[in-house]
């Protein structure tokens, strides 16, 4: 079979991978800000919950998290009489989003804490509340500082999508393995897959770079 015949199944798998990665990056970003800001909260419950979430998902393997959501959670649900079965897509997006969010939360926390204390003093002098200080002073300066690290996380998330093939999601890795097993042509199949992952990572990197340039316009001049 000529190598061009592989492109149809692999292109379909790549499209699934792209959608899965984008959903995971989106929800992972939401988790990053929610729990990163939560870790700085003055409310002990919110702060404690954020710390527990971050430590659990940073301290355990993404693969184990994925298997737990897909295989173990339904069994736990059956034990208490609740249907907790998740589709491969939902389980995969949740696992990668939660994992990404835990690492991203530390990036958010660190960037906010790195804002100059003089900026917070200025906010207090203007009688800004904590929410106003966060949204008008801290985040506009912190977000541009987060972007390089978030770009790395996004690319890691794209590469980590290959794990979802283990729960039968028909992504690029799953399609590649099916073709390899059927045609016994590992070299051609995985060379194409390597180039496709590289192309997707490059496109994602460029998109994040454009986003990084745009958010730098929010930056407040440092005092």
N, C-alpha and C. Protein backbone atom coordinates (compact mmCIF):
# COMPACT_ATOMS: atom_id res chain seq x y z
N UNK A 1 0.85 -1.21 0.00
CA UNK A 1 0.00 0.00 0.00
C UNK A 1 0.87 1.24 0.00
N UNK A 2 0.59 2.17 -0.87
CA UNK A 2 1.37 3.39 -0.94
C UNK A 2 1.10 4.25 0.29
N UNK A 3 2.14 4.99 0.72
CA UNK A 3 2.02 5.74 1.97
C UNK A 3 0.87 6.74 1.96
N UNK A 4 0.50 7.24 0.79
CA UNK A 4 -0.58 8.22 0.74
C UNK A 4 -1.92 7.61 1.18
N UNK A 5 -2.03 6.29 1.09
CA UNK A 5 -3.26 5.63 1.53
C UNK A 5 -3.45 5.66 3.03
N UNK A 6 -2.38 5.96 3.76
CA UNK A 6 -2.49 6.04 5.21
C UNK A 6 -3.09 7.37 5.66
N UNK A 7 -3.05 8.36 4.79
CA UNK A 7 -3.37 9.71 5.22
C UNK A 7 -4.82 9.90 5.65
N UNK A 8 -5.75 9.17 5.02
CA UNK A 8 -7.15 9.31 5.40
C UNK A 8 -7.41 8.95 6.85
N UNK A 9 -7.09 7.72 7.28
CA UNK A 9 -7.29 7.35 8.70
C UNK A 9 -6.48 8.22 9.66
N UNK A 10 -5.25 8.55 9.26
CA UNK A 10 -4.41 9.36 10.15
C UNK A 10 -4.94 10.79 10.25
N UNK A 11 -5.45 11.33 9.16
CA UNK A 11 -6.02 12.68 9.20
C UNK A 11 -7.24 12.72 10.11
N UNK A 12 -8.07 11.67 10.03
CA UNK A 12 -9.23 11.60 10.93
C UNK A 12 -8.78 11.53 12.38
N UNK A 13 -7.77 10.70 12.64
CA UNK A 13 -7.24 10.60 14.00
C UNK A 13 -6.63 11.91 14.47
N UNK A 14 -5.95 12.62 13.57
CA UNK A 14 -5.35 13.91 13.93
C UNK A 14 -6.43 14.93 14.28
N UNK A 15 -7.55 14.90 13.55
CA UNK A 15 -8.64 15.82 13.85
C UNK A 15 -9.22 15.55 15.23
N UNK A 16 -9.36 14.27 15.58
CA UNK A 16 -9.82 13.91 16.93
C UNK A 16 -8.82 14.41 17.97
N UNK A 17 -7.54 14.23 17.70
CA UNK A 17 -6.49 14.69 18.62
C UNK A 17 -6.55 16.20 18.81
N UNK A 18 -6.73 16.94 17.72
CA UNK A 18 -6.79 18.40 17.80
C UNK A 18 -7.97 18.85 18.65
N UNK A 19 -9.15 18.27 18.39
CA UNK A 19 -10.33 18.64 19.18
C UNK A 19 -10.14 18.30 20.65
N UNK A 20 -9.61 17.11 20.91
CA UNK A 20 -9.38 16.68 22.28
C UNK A 20 -8.40 17.62 22.99
N UNK A 21 -7.32 17.99 22.29
CA UNK A 21 -6.32 18.87 22.88
C UNK A 21 -6.90 20.25 23.17
N UNK A 22 -7.70 20.78 22.24
CA UNK A 22 -8.26 22.12 22.44
C UNK A 22 -9.23 22.14 23.62
N UNK A 23 -10.09 21.12 23.72
CA UNK A 23 -10.99 21.06 24.87
C UNK A 23 -10.22 20.96 26.18
N UNK A 24 -9.17 20.15 26.18
CA UNK A 24 -8.38 19.95 27.39
C UNK A 24 -7.65 21.22 27.78
N UNK A 25 -7.10 21.93 26.80
CA UNK A 25 -6.40 23.19 27.07
C UNK A 25 -7.37 24.23 27.60
N UNK A 26 -8.57 24.30 27.01
CA UNK A 26 -9.57 25.27 27.45
C UNK A 26 -9.99 25.01 28.89
N UNK A 27 -10.42 23.77 29.19
CA UNK A 27 -10.87 23.47 30.54
C UNK A 27 -9.70 23.45 31.52
N UNK A 28 -8.51 23.04 31.05
CA UNK A 28 -7.34 23.08 31.91
C UNK A 28 -6.98 24.51 32.28
N UNK A 29 -7.15 25.45 31.32
CA UNK A 29 -6.88 26.85 31.61
C UNK A 29 -7.85 27.40 32.65
N UNK A 30 -9.12 27.00 32.54
CA UNK A 30 -10.11 27.43 33.54
C UNK A 30 -9.73 26.92 34.92
N UNK A 31 -9.33 25.64 34.99
CA UNK A 31 -8.89 25.07 36.28
C UNK A 31 -7.66 25.78 36.81
N UNK A 32 -6.75 26.14 35.91
CA UNK A 32 -5.52 26.82 36.32
C UNK A 32 -5.82 28.12 37.04
N UNK A 33 -6.69 28.94 36.46
CA UNK A 33 -7.01 30.22 37.08
C UNK A 33 -7.87 30.04 38.33
N UNK A 34 -8.83 29.13 38.27
CA UNK A 34 -9.71 28.93 39.42
C UNK A 34 -8.93 28.48 40.66
N UNK A 35 -8.06 27.47 40.48
CA UNK A 35 -7.36 26.93 41.64
C UNK A 35 -6.08 27.70 41.95
N UNK A 36 -5.49 28.35 40.94
CA UNK A 36 -4.33 29.20 41.21
C UNK A 36 -4.72 30.40 42.05
N UNK A 37 -5.82 31.05 41.68
CA UNK A 37 -6.32 32.17 42.47
C UNK A 37 -6.87 31.66 43.80
N UNK A 38 -7.50 30.48 43.76
CA UNK A 38 -8.04 29.90 44.99
C UNK A 38 -6.97 29.63 46.04
N UNK A 39 -5.78 29.27 45.58
CA UNK A 39 -4.69 28.99 46.53
C UNK A 39 -4.23 30.25 47.25
N UNK A 40 -4.53 31.41 46.68
CA UNK A 40 -4.17 32.69 47.31
C UNK A 40 -5.32 33.29 48.10
N UNK A 41 -6.46 32.59 48.13
CA UNK A 41 -7.65 33.11 48.79
C UNK A 41 -7.45 33.23 50.31
N UNK A 42 -8.13 34.20 50.88
CA UNK A 42 -8.13 34.35 52.34
C UNK A 42 -9.10 33.39 53.01
N UNK A 43 -9.96 32.78 52.20
CA UNK A 43 -10.91 31.80 52.73
C UNK A 43 -10.21 30.46 52.90
N UNK A 44 -10.17 29.95 54.11
CA UNK A 44 -9.40 28.74 54.39
C UNK A 44 -9.93 27.53 53.62
N UNK A 45 -11.26 27.46 53.43
CA UNK A 45 -11.83 26.32 52.73
C UNK A 45 -11.42 26.33 51.25
N UNK A 46 -11.56 27.48 50.61
CA UNK A 46 -11.17 27.60 49.20
C UNK A 46 -9.68 27.34 49.03
N UNK A 47 -8.88 27.91 49.92
CA UNK A 47 -7.43 27.71 49.84
C UNK A 47 -7.07 26.24 50.06
N UNK A 48 -7.69 25.61 51.06
CA UNK A 48 -7.40 24.20 51.34
C UNK A 48 -7.82 23.29 50.20
N UNK A 49 -9.00 23.55 49.63
CA UNK A 49 -9.49 22.75 48.51
C UNK A 49 -8.55 22.89 47.30
N UNK A 50 -8.08 24.09 47.07
CA UNK A 50 -7.16 24.32 45.94
C UNK A 50 -5.84 23.60 46.15
N UNK A 51 -5.33 23.63 47.36
CA UNK A 51 -4.06 22.95 47.65
C UNK A 51 -4.21 21.44 47.47
N UNK A 52 -5.30 20.89 47.98
CA UNK A 52 -5.54 19.44 47.85
C UNK A 52 -5.61 19.04 46.38
N UNK A 53 -6.37 19.80 45.61
CA UNK A 53 -6.49 19.52 44.17
C UNK A 53 -5.13 19.55 43.49
N UNK A 54 -4.37 20.61 43.73
CA UNK A 54 -3.07 20.77 43.07
C UNK A 54 -2.12 19.63 43.44
N UNK A 55 -2.07 19.30 44.73
CA UNK A 55 -1.13 18.27 45.17
C UNK A 55 -1.51 16.89 44.65
N UNK A 56 -2.80 16.59 44.60
CA UNK A 56 -3.23 15.27 44.11
C UNK A 56 -2.90 15.11 42.63
N UNK A 57 -3.26 16.10 41.83
CA UNK A 57 -3.10 15.94 40.39
C UNK A 57 -1.67 16.20 39.91
N UNK A 58 -0.87 16.90 40.71
CA UNK A 58 0.55 17.01 40.36
C UNK A 58 1.35 15.83 40.90
N UNK A 59 0.83 15.21 41.94
CA UNK A 59 1.58 14.15 42.59
C UNK A 59 1.26 12.75 42.12
N UNK A 60 0.33 12.62 41.17
CA UNK A 60 0.00 11.30 40.63
C UNK A 60 0.16 11.30 39.12
N UNK A 61 0.29 10.11 38.56
CA UNK A 61 0.51 9.96 37.13
C UNK A 61 -0.74 10.29 36.32
N UNK A 62 -0.56 10.98 35.21
CA UNK A 62 -1.69 11.27 34.31
C UNK A 62 -2.32 9.97 33.82
N UNK A 63 -1.52 8.97 33.54
CA UNK A 63 -2.05 7.69 33.07
C UNK A 63 -2.94 7.05 34.12
N UNK A 64 -2.50 7.09 35.38
CA UNK A 64 -3.31 6.52 36.47
C UNK A 64 -4.60 7.31 36.63
N UNK A 65 -4.53 8.63 36.53
CA UNK A 65 -5.73 9.47 36.63
C UNK A 65 -6.72 9.11 35.52
N UNK A 66 -6.19 8.91 34.32
CA UNK A 66 -7.03 8.54 33.18
C UNK A 66 -7.71 7.20 33.41
N UNK A 67 -6.94 6.20 33.83
CA UNK A 67 -7.50 4.87 34.09
C UNK A 67 -8.50 4.90 35.24
N UNK A 68 -8.21 5.72 36.26
CA UNK A 68 -9.12 5.77 37.41
C UNK A 68 -10.48 6.33 36.99
N UNK A 69 -10.47 7.40 36.20
CA UNK A 69 -11.73 8.00 35.75
C UNK A 69 -12.51 7.07 34.83
N UNK A 70 -11.80 6.34 33.98
CA UNK A 70 -12.48 5.52 32.98
C UNK A 70 -12.86 4.13 33.51
N UNK A 71 -11.96 3.53 34.30
CA UNK A 71 -12.20 2.15 34.75
C UNK A 71 -12.68 2.07 36.21
N UNK A 72 -12.05 2.83 37.11
CA UNK A 72 -12.33 2.68 38.54
C UNK A 72 -13.55 3.47 38.99
N UNK A 73 -13.76 4.67 38.44
CA UNK A 73 -14.89 5.49 38.87
C UNK A 73 -16.23 4.80 38.65
N UNK A 74 -16.47 4.14 37.50
CA UNK A 74 -17.76 3.43 37.34
C UNK A 74 -17.98 2.33 38.37
N UNK A 75 -16.89 1.64 38.75
CA UNK A 75 -17.02 0.58 39.76
C UNK A 75 -17.38 1.19 41.11
N UNK A 76 -16.72 2.33 41.44
CA UNK A 76 -17.06 3.01 42.68
C UNK A 76 -18.50 3.49 42.66
N UNK A 77 -18.96 3.93 41.50
CA UNK A 77 -20.34 4.37 41.38
C UNK A 77 -21.32 3.23 41.58
N UNK A 78 -21.01 2.06 41.03
CA UNK A 78 -21.87 0.89 41.20
C UNK A 78 -21.99 0.49 42.67
N UNK A 79 -20.92 0.70 43.41
CA UNK A 79 -20.92 0.33 44.83
C UNK A 79 -21.88 1.19 45.64
N UNK A 80 -22.11 2.42 45.19
CA UNK A 80 -23.02 3.30 45.93
C UNK A 80 -24.34 3.51 45.17
N UNK A 81 -24.51 2.73 44.09
CA UNK A 81 -25.75 2.79 43.35
C UNK A 81 -25.91 3.99 42.43
N UNK A 82 -24.80 4.54 41.97
CA UNK A 82 -24.84 5.71 41.08
C UNK A 82 -24.09 5.38 39.80
N UNK A 83 -24.68 5.74 38.66
CA UNK A 83 -24.03 5.48 37.38
C UNK A 83 -23.00 6.57 37.10
N UNK A 84 -21.73 6.23 37.22
CA UNK A 84 -20.65 7.20 37.01
C UNK A 84 -19.80 6.82 35.80
N UNK A 85 -20.39 6.09 34.86
CA UNK A 85 -19.64 5.71 33.66
C UNK A 85 -19.43 6.93 32.77
N UNK A 86 -18.20 7.08 32.30
CA UNK A 86 -17.83 8.20 31.44
C UNK A 86 -17.44 7.68 30.06
N UNK A 87 -17.77 8.43 29.04
CA UNK A 87 -17.30 8.07 27.70
C UNK A 87 -15.80 8.29 27.61
N UNK A 88 -15.13 7.64 26.66
CA UNK A 88 -13.68 7.87 26.51
C UNK A 88 -13.32 9.35 26.34
N UNK A 89 -14.14 10.09 25.59
CA UNK A 89 -13.86 11.51 25.36
C UNK A 89 -13.95 12.29 26.67
N UNK A 90 -15.02 12.08 27.41
CA UNK A 90 -15.21 12.81 28.67
C UNK A 90 -14.12 12.45 29.67
N UNK A 91 -13.84 11.15 29.82
CA UNK A 91 -12.80 10.72 30.75
C UNK A 91 -11.44 11.31 30.36
N UNK A 92 -11.13 11.29 29.06
CA UNK A 92 -9.86 11.81 28.60
C UNK A 92 -9.73 13.30 28.81
N UNK A 93 -10.78 14.05 28.47
CA UNK A 93 -10.74 15.50 28.64
C UNK A 93 -10.62 15.86 30.12
N UNK A 94 -11.39 15.18 30.97
CA UNK A 94 -11.32 15.47 32.40
C UNK A 94 -9.93 15.19 32.97
N UNK A 95 -9.39 14.02 32.64
CA UNK A 95 -8.07 13.66 33.18
C UNK A 95 -7.00 14.66 32.75
N UNK A 96 -6.96 14.97 31.46
CA UNK A 96 -5.92 15.88 30.98
C UNK A 96 -6.16 17.30 31.47
N UNK A 97 -7.44 17.73 31.54
CA UNK A 97 -7.75 19.08 32.01
C UNK A 97 -7.36 19.25 33.48
N UNK A 98 -7.70 18.26 34.31
CA UNK A 98 -7.37 18.36 35.73
C UNK A 98 -5.86 18.33 35.93
N UNK A 99 -5.17 17.48 35.17
CA UNK A 99 -3.71 17.40 35.29
C UNK A 99 -3.06 18.71 34.84
N UNK A 100 -3.50 19.20 33.69
CA UNK A 100 -2.98 20.46 33.16
C UNK A 100 -3.28 21.61 34.11
N UNK A 101 -4.51 21.60 34.66
CA UNK A 101 -4.91 22.66 35.56
C UNK A 101 -4.08 22.72 36.83
N UNK A 102 -3.67 21.56 37.33
CA UNK A 102 -2.87 21.53 38.56
C UNK A 102 -1.51 22.19 38.34
N UNK A 103 -0.88 21.89 37.23
CA UNK A 103 0.40 22.53 36.93
C UNK A 103 0.21 24.00 36.58
N UNK A 104 -0.86 24.29 35.84
CA UNK A 104 -1.13 25.68 35.48
C UNK A 104 -1.46 26.54 36.68
N UNK A 105 -2.10 25.94 37.69
CA UNK A 105 -2.46 26.69 38.89
C UNK A 105 -1.23 27.24 39.59
N UNK A 106 -0.17 26.48 39.61
CA UNK A 106 1.07 26.96 40.23
C UNK A 106 1.70 28.09 39.41
N UNK A 107 1.54 28.03 38.10
CA UNK A 107 2.02 29.12 37.25
C UNK A 107 1.25 30.40 37.54
N UNK A 108 -0.08 30.28 37.66
CA UNK A 108 -0.92 31.43 37.96
C UNK A 108 -0.57 32.01 39.32
N UNK A 109 -0.47 31.13 40.32
CA UNK A 109 -0.15 31.60 41.66
C UNK A 109 1.18 32.34 41.68
N UNK A 110 2.20 31.74 41.05
CA UNK A 110 3.52 32.36 41.07
C UNK A 110 3.55 33.69 40.35
N UNK A 111 2.84 33.79 39.24
CA UNK A 111 2.84 35.04 38.47
C UNK A 111 2.13 36.15 39.24
N UNK A 112 1.04 35.81 39.92
CA UNK A 112 0.32 36.83 40.70
C UNK A 112 1.18 37.31 41.86
N UNK A 113 1.84 36.36 42.53
CA UNK A 113 2.68 36.74 43.67
C UNK A 113 3.92 37.52 43.23
N UNK A 114 4.30 37.41 41.97
CA UNK A 114 5.48 38.12 41.47
C UNK A 114 5.20 39.58 41.14
N UNK A 115 3.92 39.97 41.14
CA UNK A 115 3.59 41.37 40.88
C UNK A 115 4.18 42.23 41.99
N UNK A 116 4.75 43.35 41.62
CA UNK A 116 5.44 44.22 42.57
C UNK A 116 4.52 44.63 43.72
N UNK A 117 5.01 44.57 44.96
CA UNK A 117 4.20 45.02 46.10
C UNK A 117 3.75 46.47 45.96
N UNK A 118 4.54 47.28 45.23
CA UNK A 118 4.15 48.67 45.03
C UNK A 118 2.82 48.79 44.31
N UNK A 119 2.53 47.82 43.44
CA UNK A 119 1.27 47.85 42.72
C UNK A 119 0.09 47.63 43.67
N UNK A 120 0.27 46.73 44.63
CA UNK A 120 -0.78 46.49 45.61
C UNK A 120 -0.96 47.70 46.54
N UNK A 121 0.15 48.36 46.87
CA UNK A 121 0.06 49.56 47.70
C UNK A 121 -0.69 50.66 46.96
N UNK A 122 -0.45 50.75 45.66
CA UNK A 122 -1.18 51.74 44.85
C UNK A 122 -2.66 51.42 44.84
N UNK A 123 -2.99 50.14 44.71
CA UNK A 123 -4.40 49.74 44.72
C UNK A 123 -5.07 50.09 46.04
N UNK A 124 -4.36 49.87 47.14
CA UNK A 124 -4.93 50.20 48.45
C UNK A 124 -5.14 51.71 48.59
N UNK A 125 -4.19 52.47 48.04
CA UNK A 125 -4.31 53.93 48.12
C UNK A 125 -5.50 54.44 47.31
N UNK A 126 -5.91 53.66 46.31
CA UNK A 126 -7.07 54.01 45.49
C UNK A 126 -8.36 53.39 46.02
N UNK A 127 -8.25 52.77 47.20
CA UNK A 127 -9.40 52.13 47.85
C UNK A 127 -9.99 50.98 47.02
N UNK A 128 -9.13 50.27 46.30
CA UNK A 128 -9.57 49.10 45.56
C UNK A 128 -9.80 47.95 46.53
N UNK A 129 -10.87 47.20 46.30
CA UNK A 129 -11.07 45.97 47.06
C UNK A 129 -10.19 44.87 46.52
N UNK A 130 -10.22 43.70 47.17
CA UNK A 130 -9.36 42.60 46.75
C UNK A 130 -9.69 42.13 45.34
N UNK A 131 -10.99 42.09 45.00
CA UNK A 131 -11.38 41.66 43.65
C UNK A 131 -10.94 42.67 42.61
N UNK A 132 -11.12 43.96 42.90
CA UNK A 132 -10.68 44.99 41.96
C UNK A 132 -9.18 44.96 41.77
N UNK A 133 -8.45 44.73 42.85
CA UNK A 133 -6.99 44.66 42.76
C UNK A 133 -6.56 43.48 41.89
N UNK A 134 -7.24 42.36 42.08
CA UNK A 134 -6.90 41.17 41.30
C UNK A 134 -7.15 41.40 39.81
N UNK A 135 -8.34 41.89 39.46
CA UNK A 135 -8.73 41.98 38.05
C UNK A 135 -8.13 43.20 37.35
N UNK A 136 -7.91 44.28 38.08
CA UNK A 136 -7.43 45.50 37.43
C UNK A 136 -5.93 45.72 37.55
N UNK A 137 -5.34 45.13 38.56
CA UNK A 137 -3.91 45.37 38.80
C UNK A 137 -3.07 44.12 38.61
N UNK A 138 -3.41 43.06 39.34
CA UNK A 138 -2.55 41.87 39.36
C UNK A 138 -2.59 41.08 38.06
N UNK A 139 -3.79 40.70 37.63
CA UNK A 139 -3.89 39.83 36.44
C UNK A 139 -3.38 40.49 35.16
N UNK A 140 -3.67 41.78 34.91
CA UNK A 140 -3.13 42.37 33.67
C UNK A 140 -1.61 42.33 33.59
N UNK A 141 -0.94 42.32 34.75
CA UNK A 141 0.52 42.22 34.75
C UNK A 141 0.99 40.76 34.79
N UNK A 142 0.21 39.91 35.47
CA UNK A 142 0.64 38.53 35.65
C UNK A 142 0.44 37.68 34.41
N UNK A 143 -0.65 37.91 33.69
CA UNK A 143 -0.98 37.05 32.54
C UNK A 143 0.13 37.02 31.49
N UNK A 144 0.70 38.17 31.08
CA UNK A 144 1.80 38.09 30.11
C UNK A 144 2.99 37.27 30.62
N UNK A 145 3.22 37.29 31.94
CA UNK A 145 4.32 36.52 32.51
C UNK A 145 4.03 35.03 32.47
N UNK A 146 2.74 34.67 32.48
CA UNK A 146 2.36 33.26 32.47
C UNK A 146 2.49 32.62 31.09
N UNK A 147 2.40 33.42 30.03
CA UNK A 147 2.20 32.88 28.70
C UNK A 147 3.29 31.91 28.23
N UNK A 148 4.59 32.20 28.41
CA UNK A 148 5.59 31.22 27.97
C UNK A 148 5.42 29.85 28.64
N UNK A 149 5.12 29.87 29.94
CA UNK A 149 4.92 28.61 30.65
C UNK A 149 3.66 27.91 30.20
N UNK A 150 2.61 28.68 29.93
CA UNK A 150 1.37 28.08 29.43
C UNK A 150 1.55 27.50 28.03
N UNK A 151 2.42 28.12 27.23
CA UNK A 151 2.70 27.57 25.91
C UNK A 151 3.33 26.18 26.04
N UNK A 152 4.27 26.05 26.95
CA UNK A 152 4.90 24.74 27.18
C UNK A 152 3.87 23.72 27.67
N UNK A 153 2.98 24.15 28.56
CA UNK A 153 1.95 23.24 29.06
C UNK A 153 1.00 22.80 27.95
N UNK A 154 0.65 23.74 27.07
CA UNK A 154 -0.26 23.41 25.98
C UNK A 154 0.35 22.38 25.04
N UNK A 155 1.64 22.54 24.73
CA UNK A 155 2.32 21.58 23.86
C UNK A 155 2.43 20.23 24.55
N UNK A 156 2.71 20.23 25.85
CA UNK A 156 2.75 18.97 26.60
C UNK A 156 1.37 18.29 26.59
N UNK A 157 0.32 19.11 26.69
CA UNK A 157 -1.04 18.55 26.65
C UNK A 157 -1.32 17.90 25.31
N UNK A 158 -0.89 18.55 24.24
CA UNK A 158 -1.07 17.97 22.90
C UNK A 158 -0.38 16.61 22.81
N UNK A 159 0.84 16.53 23.28
CA UNK A 159 1.58 15.27 23.21
C UNK A 159 0.98 14.22 24.14
N UNK A 160 0.43 14.66 25.26
CA UNK A 160 -0.15 13.71 26.22
C UNK A 160 -1.45 13.11 25.72
N UNK A 161 -2.05 13.71 24.70
CA UNK A 161 -3.30 13.16 24.17
C UNK A 161 -3.12 11.74 23.66
N UNK A 162 -1.88 11.35 23.34
CA UNK A 162 -1.65 10.00 22.83
C UNK A 162 -2.06 8.93 23.85
N UNK A 163 -2.12 9.30 25.12
CA UNK A 163 -2.49 8.33 26.15
C UNK A 163 -3.94 7.88 26.03
N UNK A 164 -4.80 8.74 25.45
CA UNK A 164 -6.21 8.39 25.41
C UNK A 164 -6.48 7.22 24.46
N UNK A 165 -5.52 6.90 23.62
CA UNK A 165 -5.70 5.72 22.77
C UNK A 165 -5.82 4.45 23.61
N UNK A 166 -5.33 4.50 24.85
CA UNK A 166 -5.37 3.35 25.74
C UNK A 166 -6.77 3.09 26.28
N UNK A 167 -7.68 4.07 26.13
CA UNK A 167 -9.07 3.85 26.54
C UNK A 167 -9.98 3.87 25.30
N UNK A 168 -9.41 3.47 24.18
CA UNK A 168 -10.11 3.23 22.91
C UNK A 168 -10.60 4.49 22.20
N UNK A 169 -10.10 5.66 22.57
CA UNK A 169 -10.46 6.86 21.83
C UNK A 169 -9.67 6.85 20.52
N UNK A 170 -10.36 7.04 19.41
CA UNK A 170 -9.73 6.87 18.10
C UNK A 170 -8.98 8.14 17.67
N UNK A 171 -7.95 8.47 18.43
CA UNK A 171 -7.13 9.63 18.11
C UNK A 171 -6.04 9.23 17.12
N UNK A 172 -5.06 10.11 16.93
CA UNK A 172 -3.99 9.85 15.97
C UNK A 172 -3.17 8.63 16.35
N UNK A 173 -2.85 8.48 17.61
CA UNK A 173 -2.05 7.33 18.05
C UNK A 173 -2.81 6.02 17.85
N UNK A 174 -4.10 6.04 18.14
CA UNK A 174 -4.93 4.84 17.96
C UNK A 174 -4.99 4.45 16.49
N UNK A 175 -5.21 5.44 15.62
CA UNK A 175 -5.26 5.18 14.18
C UNK A 175 -3.92 4.63 13.68
N UNK A 176 -2.83 5.19 14.18
CA UNK A 176 -1.51 4.73 13.77
C UNK A 176 -1.27 3.28 14.18
N UNK A 177 -1.67 2.93 15.38
CA UNK A 177 -1.47 1.56 15.85
C UNK A 177 -2.31 0.57 15.04
N UNK A 178 -3.53 0.97 14.67
CA UNK A 178 -4.35 0.09 13.85
C UNK A 178 -3.72 -0.14 12.47
N UNK A 179 -3.21 0.93 11.86
CA UNK A 179 -2.57 0.80 10.56
C UNK A 179 -1.30 -0.03 10.64
N UNK A 180 -0.53 0.19 11.71
CA UNK A 180 0.72 -0.58 11.87
C UNK A 180 0.44 -2.07 12.02
N UNK A 181 -0.57 -2.39 12.82
CA UNK A 181 -0.90 -3.80 13.02
C UNK A 181 -1.44 -4.45 11.75
N UNK A 182 -2.20 -3.69 10.98
CA UNK A 182 -2.83 -4.27 9.79
C UNK A 182 -1.85 -4.41 8.63
N UNK A 183 -1.02 -3.38 8.42
CA UNK A 183 -0.12 -3.39 7.25
C UNK A 183 1.32 -3.77 7.60
N UNK A 184 1.64 -3.88 8.89
CA UNK A 184 3.00 -4.24 9.31
C UNK A 184 4.03 -3.30 8.68
N UNK A 185 3.74 -2.02 8.75
CA UNK A 185 4.62 -1.01 8.14
C UNK A 185 4.89 0.09 9.17
N UNK A 186 5.64 -0.27 10.19
CA UNK A 186 5.87 0.65 11.30
C UNK A 186 6.62 1.91 10.88
N UNK A 187 7.62 1.75 10.03
CA UNK A 187 8.47 2.88 9.67
C UNK A 187 7.67 3.99 9.00
N UNK A 188 6.90 3.62 7.99
CA UNK A 188 6.13 4.63 7.26
C UNK A 188 5.07 5.26 8.14
N UNK A 189 4.31 4.42 8.85
CA UNK A 189 3.21 4.93 9.66
C UNK A 189 3.72 5.90 10.71
N UNK A 190 4.74 5.50 11.46
CA UNK A 190 5.18 6.34 12.57
C UNK A 190 6.00 7.53 12.11
N UNK A 191 6.58 7.46 10.92
CA UNK A 191 7.23 8.65 10.37
C UNK A 191 6.19 9.72 10.05
N UNK A 192 5.09 9.29 9.44
CA UNK A 192 4.00 10.23 9.14
C UNK A 192 3.42 10.80 10.44
N UNK A 193 3.21 9.93 11.43
CA UNK A 193 2.65 10.37 12.70
C UNK A 193 3.58 11.37 13.38
N UNK A 194 4.86 11.09 13.36
CA UNK A 194 5.85 12.00 13.96
C UNK A 194 5.74 13.38 13.32
N UNK A 195 5.67 13.42 11.99
CA UNK A 195 5.57 14.70 11.28
C UNK A 195 4.25 15.41 11.57
N UNK A 196 3.18 14.62 11.72
CA UNK A 196 1.88 15.23 12.01
C UNK A 196 1.85 15.83 13.42
N UNK A 197 2.41 15.14 14.39
CA UNK A 197 2.49 15.70 15.74
C UNK A 197 3.36 16.95 15.75
N UNK A 198 4.45 16.90 15.01
CA UNK A 198 5.33 18.07 14.94
C UNK A 198 4.58 19.25 14.33
N UNK A 199 3.84 19.01 13.26
CA UNK A 199 3.08 20.08 12.62
C UNK A 199 2.02 20.66 13.55
N UNK A 200 1.32 19.80 14.28
CA UNK A 200 0.30 20.28 15.21
C UNK A 200 0.94 21.08 16.35
N UNK A 201 2.07 20.59 16.87
CA UNK A 201 2.75 21.30 17.94
C UNK A 201 3.25 22.66 17.46
N UNK A 202 3.76 22.71 16.25
CA UNK A 202 4.25 23.97 15.69
C UNK A 202 3.10 24.96 15.52
N UNK A 203 1.97 24.47 15.00
CA UNK A 203 0.81 25.34 14.85
C UNK A 203 0.30 25.86 16.18
N UNK A 204 0.27 24.98 17.19
CA UNK A 204 -0.18 25.39 18.52
C UNK A 204 0.79 26.41 19.12
N UNK A 205 2.08 26.18 18.92
CA UNK A 205 3.09 27.11 19.44
C UNK A 205 2.93 28.49 18.81
N UNK A 206 2.68 28.54 17.51
CA UNK A 206 2.49 29.82 16.83
C UNK A 206 1.22 30.52 17.33
N UNK A 207 0.15 29.74 17.53
CA UNK A 207 -1.10 30.31 18.03
C UNK A 207 -0.91 30.90 19.43
N UNK A 208 -0.18 30.18 20.28
CA UNK A 208 0.08 30.67 21.62
C UNK A 208 0.97 31.90 21.59
N UNK A 209 1.88 31.96 20.62
CA UNK A 209 2.74 33.14 20.49
C UNK A 209 1.92 34.36 20.10
N UNK A 210 0.96 34.18 19.20
CA UNK A 210 0.06 35.29 18.82
C UNK A 210 -0.73 35.75 20.04
N UNK A 211 -1.23 34.78 20.82
CA UNK A 211 -1.99 35.11 22.03
C UNK A 211 -1.10 35.84 23.03
N UNK A 212 0.15 35.40 23.15
CA UNK A 212 1.09 36.04 24.07
C UNK A 212 1.33 37.49 23.69
N UNK A 213 1.48 37.75 22.39
CA UNK A 213 1.70 39.12 21.93
C UNK A 213 0.48 40.00 22.22
N UNK A 214 -0.71 39.42 22.03
CA UNK A 214 -1.93 40.20 22.24
C UNK A 214 -2.14 40.54 23.71
N UNK A 215 -1.83 39.61 24.61
CA UNK A 215 -2.10 39.88 26.03
C UNK A 215 -1.07 40.84 26.63
N UNK A 216 0.08 40.99 25.99
CA UNK A 216 1.06 41.94 26.52
C UNK A 216 0.53 43.36 26.45
N UNK A 217 -0.47 43.60 25.66
CA UNK A 217 -1.07 44.95 25.59
C UNK A 217 -1.84 45.27 26.83
N UNK A 218 -2.14 44.24 27.66
CA UNK A 218 -2.87 44.49 28.90
C UNK A 218 -1.93 44.96 30.02
N UNK A 219 -0.66 44.80 29.79
CA UNK A 219 0.29 45.03 30.88
C UNK A 219 0.19 46.47 31.38
N UNK A 220 0.19 46.60 32.71
CA UNK A 220 0.21 47.92 33.33
C UNK A 220 1.65 48.31 33.58
N UNK A 221 2.08 49.52 33.25
CA UNK A 221 3.47 49.92 33.47
C UNK A 221 3.85 49.74 34.94
N UNK A 222 5.00 49.14 35.15
CA UNK A 222 5.49 48.91 36.51
C UNK A 222 5.98 50.21 37.11
N UNK A 223 5.79 50.33 38.43
CA UNK A 223 6.28 51.52 39.13
C UNK A 223 7.65 51.20 39.73
